[in-house]
Amino acid sequence: MNKYIIERTIPGAGELSAEQLMGISQTSCSVLAQLGPQIKWLESYVTDNKVYCVYLAQNEQIIREHASQGGFPVDSIAQISSVISPATAKSS
């Protein structure tokens, strides 16, 4: 499977309560269970007005299907080609 990052505009996302975030997460997990093993949610990052989600998926289409069924916005989907960190700067 490929790794993707999904950008979602959700006005006021950074002000959502723990209960609201739990509800959104439960909706997402419910849709994921219906879609099966070709898509997996790894984690999401919540900012003031955006949520950035990291998924493993067979293709972009299944990510769009998840968003459609869950009622989630999708601004963009990008396949991740590499991951770097401070450890990348160190030679082996």
N, C-alpha and C. Protein backbone atom coordinates (compact mmCIF):
# COMPACT_ATOMS: atom_id res chain seq x y z
N MET A 1 0.84 -1.18 0.00
CA MET A 1 0.00 0.00 0.00
C MET A 1 0.89 1.25 0.00
N ASN A 2 0.33 2.33 -0.49
CA ASN A 2 1.01 3.62 -0.54
C ASN A 2 0.63 4.45 0.67
N LYS A 3 1.51 5.39 1.02
CA LYS A 3 1.22 6.30 2.13
C LYS A 3 0.82 7.65 1.54
N TYR A 4 -0.26 8.23 2.07
CA TYR A 4 -0.79 9.50 1.58
C TYR A 4 -0.97 10.47 2.73
N ILE A 5 -0.91 11.77 2.40
CA ILE A 5 -1.30 12.81 3.32
C ILE A 5 -2.49 13.54 2.71
N ILE A 6 -3.53 13.72 3.52
CA ILE A 6 -4.77 14.35 3.07
C ILE A 6 -4.93 15.66 3.83
N GLU A 7 -5.16 16.74 3.10
CA GLU A 7 -5.40 18.05 3.70
C GLU A 7 -6.90 18.30 3.70
N ARG A 8 -7.43 18.65 4.88
CA ARG A 8 -8.86 18.93 5.02
C ARG A 8 -9.05 20.29 5.69
N THR A 9 -9.81 21.18 5.07
CA THR A 9 -10.15 22.44 5.72
C THR A 9 -11.38 22.21 6.58
N ILE A 10 -11.21 22.44 7.87
CA ILE A 10 -12.31 22.34 8.83
C ILE A 10 -12.22 23.59 9.71
N PRO A 11 -13.00 24.64 9.37
CA PRO A 11 -12.92 25.88 10.15
C PRO A 11 -13.12 25.60 11.64
N GLY A 12 -12.22 26.15 12.45
CA GLY A 12 -12.30 25.99 13.90
C GLY A 12 -11.83 24.63 14.39
N ALA A 13 -11.14 23.86 13.55
CA ALA A 13 -10.70 22.52 13.94
C ALA A 13 -9.89 22.54 15.24
N GLY A 14 -9.06 23.53 15.40
CA GLY A 14 -8.22 23.62 16.59
C GLY A 14 -8.99 23.88 17.86
N GLU A 15 -10.26 24.26 17.73
CA GLU A 15 -11.09 24.54 18.90
C GLU A 15 -12.08 23.41 19.19
N LEU A 16 -12.02 22.32 18.41
CA LEU A 16 -12.92 21.20 18.65
C LEU A 16 -12.60 20.56 20.00
N SER A 17 -13.64 20.17 20.71
CA SER A 17 -13.45 19.54 22.01
C SER A 17 -12.99 18.10 21.85
N ALA A 18 -12.52 17.52 22.93
CA ALA A 18 -12.10 16.12 22.92
C ALA A 18 -13.28 15.23 22.50
N GLU A 19 -14.48 15.56 22.94
CA GLU A 19 -15.67 14.78 22.58
C GLU A 19 -15.97 14.89 21.09
N GLN A 20 -15.82 16.08 20.52
CA GLN A 20 -16.05 16.27 19.09
C GLN A 20 -15.01 15.52 18.27
N LEU A 21 -13.76 15.58 18.69
CA LEU A 21 -12.71 14.84 17.99
C LEU A 21 -12.94 13.34 18.09
N MET A 22 -13.44 12.89 19.24
CA MET A 22 -13.76 11.47 19.39
C MET A 22 -14.87 11.07 18.42
N GLY A 23 -15.87 11.91 18.28
CA GLY A 23 -16.97 11.62 17.36
C GLY A 23 -16.51 11.53 15.91
N ILE A 24 -15.66 12.46 15.52
CA ILE A 24 -15.10 12.45 14.17
C ILE A 24 -14.29 11.17 13.97
N SER A 25 -13.48 10.83 14.96
CA SER A 25 -12.64 9.63 14.87
C SER A 25 -13.50 8.37 14.79
N GLN A 26 -14.58 8.33 15.56
CA GLN A 26 -15.46 7.17 15.53
C GLN A 26 -16.14 7.02 14.17
N THR A 27 -16.55 8.13 13.58
CA THR A 27 -17.15 8.09 12.24
C THR A 27 -16.14 7.56 11.24
N SER A 28 -14.91 8.06 11.31
CA SER A 28 -13.87 7.62 10.40
C SER A 28 -13.61 6.12 10.55
N CYS A 29 -13.48 5.66 11.77
CA CYS A 29 -13.20 4.24 12.01
C CYS A 29 -14.35 3.35 11.54
N SER A 30 -15.56 3.82 11.68
CA SER A 30 -16.72 3.06 11.22
C SER A 30 -16.70 2.89 9.70
N VAL A 31 -16.39 3.97 8.99
CA VAL A 31 -16.30 3.90 7.53
C VAL A 31 -15.13 3.01 7.11
N LEU A 32 -14.01 3.14 7.79
CA LEU A 32 -12.84 2.31 7.48
C LEU A 32 -13.17 0.83 7.63
N ALA A 33 -13.91 0.48 8.66
CA ALA A 33 -14.28 -0.92 8.88
C ALA A 33 -15.13 -1.43 7.72
N GLN A 34 -16.00 -0.58 7.18
CA GLN A 34 -16.83 -0.98 6.04
C GLN A 34 -16.02 -1.12 4.76
N LEU A 35 -15.00 -0.29 4.59
CA LEU A 35 -14.21 -0.30 3.36
C LEU A 35 -13.23 -1.46 3.31
N GLY A 36 -12.85 -1.98 4.46
CA GLY A 36 -11.97 -3.15 4.48
C GLY A 36 -10.50 -2.81 4.54
N PRO A 37 -9.66 -3.81 4.29
CA PRO A 37 -8.23 -3.69 4.54
C PRO A 37 -7.44 -2.88 3.51
N GLN A 38 -8.07 -2.36 2.47
CA GLN A 38 -7.33 -1.61 1.47
C GLN A 38 -7.08 -0.16 1.86
N ILE A 39 -7.48 0.22 3.10
CA ILE A 39 -7.23 1.58 3.59
C ILE A 39 -7.07 1.51 5.10
N LYS A 40 -6.09 2.29 5.60
CA LYS A 40 -5.82 2.32 7.04
C LYS A 40 -5.42 3.74 7.43
N TRP A 41 -6.04 4.23 8.48
CA TRP A 41 -5.74 5.56 9.02
C TRP A 41 -4.59 5.41 10.01
N LEU A 42 -3.52 6.17 9.83
CA LEU A 42 -2.39 6.11 10.74
C LEU A 42 -2.48 7.17 11.84
N GLU A 43 -2.69 8.43 11.45
CA GLU A 43 -2.79 9.52 12.41
C GLU A 43 -3.22 10.79 11.70
N SER A 44 -3.62 11.78 12.50
CA SER A 44 -4.00 13.08 11.95
C SER A 44 -3.42 14.18 12.84
N TYR A 45 -3.16 15.31 12.20
CA TYR A 45 -2.63 16.48 12.88
C TYR A 45 -3.67 17.60 12.76
N VAL A 46 -4.10 18.15 13.89
CA VAL A 46 -5.13 19.18 13.91
C VAL A 46 -4.47 20.53 14.13
N THR A 47 -4.77 21.49 13.24
CA THR A 47 -4.29 22.86 13.38
C THR A 47 -5.52 23.76 13.52
N ASP A 48 -5.32 25.06 13.49
CA ASP A 48 -6.44 25.98 13.70
C ASP A 48 -7.63 25.70 12.80
N ASN A 49 -7.40 25.58 11.49
CA ASN A 49 -8.50 25.43 10.54
C ASN A 49 -8.28 24.29 9.55
N LYS A 50 -7.34 23.42 9.84
CA LYS A 50 -7.03 22.31 8.94
C LYS A 50 -6.80 21.04 9.75
N VAL A 51 -7.01 19.92 9.10
CA VAL A 51 -6.62 18.63 9.64
C VAL A 51 -5.84 17.93 8.54
N TYR A 52 -4.65 17.44 8.89
CA TYR A 52 -3.79 16.72 7.97
C TYR A 52 -3.77 15.26 8.41
N CYS A 53 -4.25 14.38 7.55
CA CYS A 53 -4.39 12.96 7.89
C CYS A 53 -3.39 12.13 7.10
N VAL A 54 -2.83 11.13 7.75
CA VAL A 54 -1.89 10.22 7.10
C VAL A 54 -2.57 8.85 7.02
N TYR A 55 -2.63 8.34 5.80
CA TYR A 55 -3.30 7.06 5.53
C TYR A 55 -2.38 6.15 4.73
N LEU A 56 -2.57 4.86 4.91
CA LEU A 56 -2.07 3.85 3.99
C LEU A 56 -3.26 3.43 3.14
N ALA A 57 -3.09 3.40 1.84
CA ALA A 57 -4.21 3.04 0.97
C ALA A 57 -3.70 2.47 -0.34
N GLN A 58 -4.54 1.68 -0.97
CA GLN A 58 -4.17 1.12 -2.28
C GLN A 58 -4.12 2.20 -3.35
N ASN A 59 -5.01 3.21 -3.22
CA ASN A 59 -5.04 4.27 -4.22
C ASN A 59 -5.80 5.48 -3.68
N GLU A 60 -5.75 6.55 -4.43
CA GLU A 60 -6.43 7.80 -4.04
C GLU A 60 -7.95 7.64 -4.05
N GLN A 61 -8.46 6.81 -4.93
CA GLN A 61 -9.91 6.63 -5.04
C GLN A 61 -10.53 6.13 -3.73
N ILE A 62 -9.89 5.19 -3.07
CA ILE A 62 -10.44 4.66 -1.81
C ILE A 62 -10.42 5.72 -0.72
N ILE A 63 -9.45 6.62 -0.77
CA ILE A 63 -9.41 7.73 0.19
C ILE A 63 -10.58 8.67 -0.06
N ARG A 64 -10.86 8.94 -1.32
CA ARG A 64 -12.01 9.80 -1.65
C ARG A 64 -13.33 9.13 -1.27
N GLU A 65 -13.40 7.81 -1.41
CA GLU A 65 -14.60 7.09 -1.00
C GLU A 65 -14.80 7.18 0.51
N HIS A 66 -13.73 7.04 1.26
CA HIS A 66 -13.79 7.19 2.73
C HIS A 66 -14.32 8.58 3.09
N ALA A 67 -13.78 9.60 2.45
CA ALA A 67 -14.21 10.98 2.73
C ALA A 67 -15.68 11.17 2.38
N SER A 68 -16.10 10.64 1.26
CA SER A 68 -17.48 10.76 0.82
C SER A 68 -18.44 10.10 1.81
N GLN A 69 -18.13 8.87 2.18
CA GLN A 69 -19.00 8.14 3.11
C GLN A 69 -19.01 8.75 4.51
N GLY A 70 -17.87 9.32 4.92
CA GLY A 70 -17.79 9.90 6.26
C GLY A 70 -18.21 11.35 6.34
N GLY A 71 -18.41 11.99 5.17
CA GLY A 71 -18.77 13.40 5.16
C GLY A 71 -17.59 14.31 5.47
N PHE A 72 -16.38 13.87 5.13
CA PHE A 72 -15.17 14.64 5.41
C PHE A 72 -14.74 15.43 4.17
N PRO A 73 -14.31 16.69 4.35
CA PRO A 73 -13.80 17.45 3.20
C PRO A 73 -12.43 16.92 2.78
N VAL A 74 -12.10 17.13 1.52
CA VAL A 74 -10.77 16.80 0.99
C VAL A 74 -10.32 17.97 0.13
N ASP A 75 -9.29 18.67 0.59
CA ASP A 75 -8.70 19.75 -0.21
C ASP A 75 -7.68 19.20 -1.18
N SER A 76 -6.86 18.29 -0.67
CA SER A 76 -5.83 17.68 -1.51
C SER A 76 -5.41 16.34 -0.94
N ILE A 77 -4.92 15.50 -1.84
CA ILE A 77 -4.35 14.20 -1.48
C ILE A 77 -3.01 14.11 -2.18
N ALA A 78 -1.96 13.81 -1.42
CA ALA A 78 -0.63 13.67 -2.00
C ALA A 78 0.00 12.36 -1.53
N GLN A 79 0.55 11.62 -2.47
CA GLN A 79 1.25 10.40 -2.11
C GLN A 79 2.62 10.79 -1.52
N ILE A 80 2.96 10.20 -0.40
CA ILE A 80 4.23 10.48 0.26
C ILE A 80 5.30 9.60 -0.38
N SER A 81 6.36 10.25 -0.86
CA SER A 81 7.43 9.49 -1.52
C SER A 81 8.58 9.19 -0.57
N SER A 82 8.81 10.05 0.41
CA SER A 82 9.89 9.85 1.38
C SER A 82 9.51 10.53 2.68
N VAL A 83 10.10 10.06 3.76
CA VAL A 83 9.94 10.69 5.07
C VAL A 83 11.35 11.03 5.56
N ILE A 84 11.53 12.28 5.97
CA ILE A 84 12.82 12.69 6.51
C ILE A 84 12.62 13.25 7.91
N SER A 85 13.70 13.28 8.66
CA SER A 85 13.69 13.82 10.03
C SER A 85 15.11 14.25 10.36
N PRO A 86 15.36 14.76 11.56
CA PRO A 86 16.73 15.10 11.92
C PRO A 86 17.69 13.91 11.79
N ALA A 87 17.18 12.70 11.96
CA ALA A 87 18.02 11.52 11.82
C ALA A 87 18.54 11.36 10.39
N THR A 88 17.80 11.91 9.41
CA THR A 88 18.22 11.84 8.01
C THR A 88 19.55 12.58 7.80
N ALA A 89 19.81 13.60 8.60
CA ALA A 89 21.01 14.41 8.46
C ALA A 89 22.27 13.69 8.94
N LYS A 90 22.10 12.65 9.71
CA LYS A 90 23.24 11.92 10.26
C LYS A 90 23.68 10.83 9.32
N SER A 91 24.98 10.72 9.12
CA SER A 91 25.47 9.66 8.25
C SER A 91 25.54 8.35 9.04
N SER A 92 25.44 7.26 8.33
CA SER A 92 25.47 5.94 8.97
C SER A 92 26.88 5.50 9.26
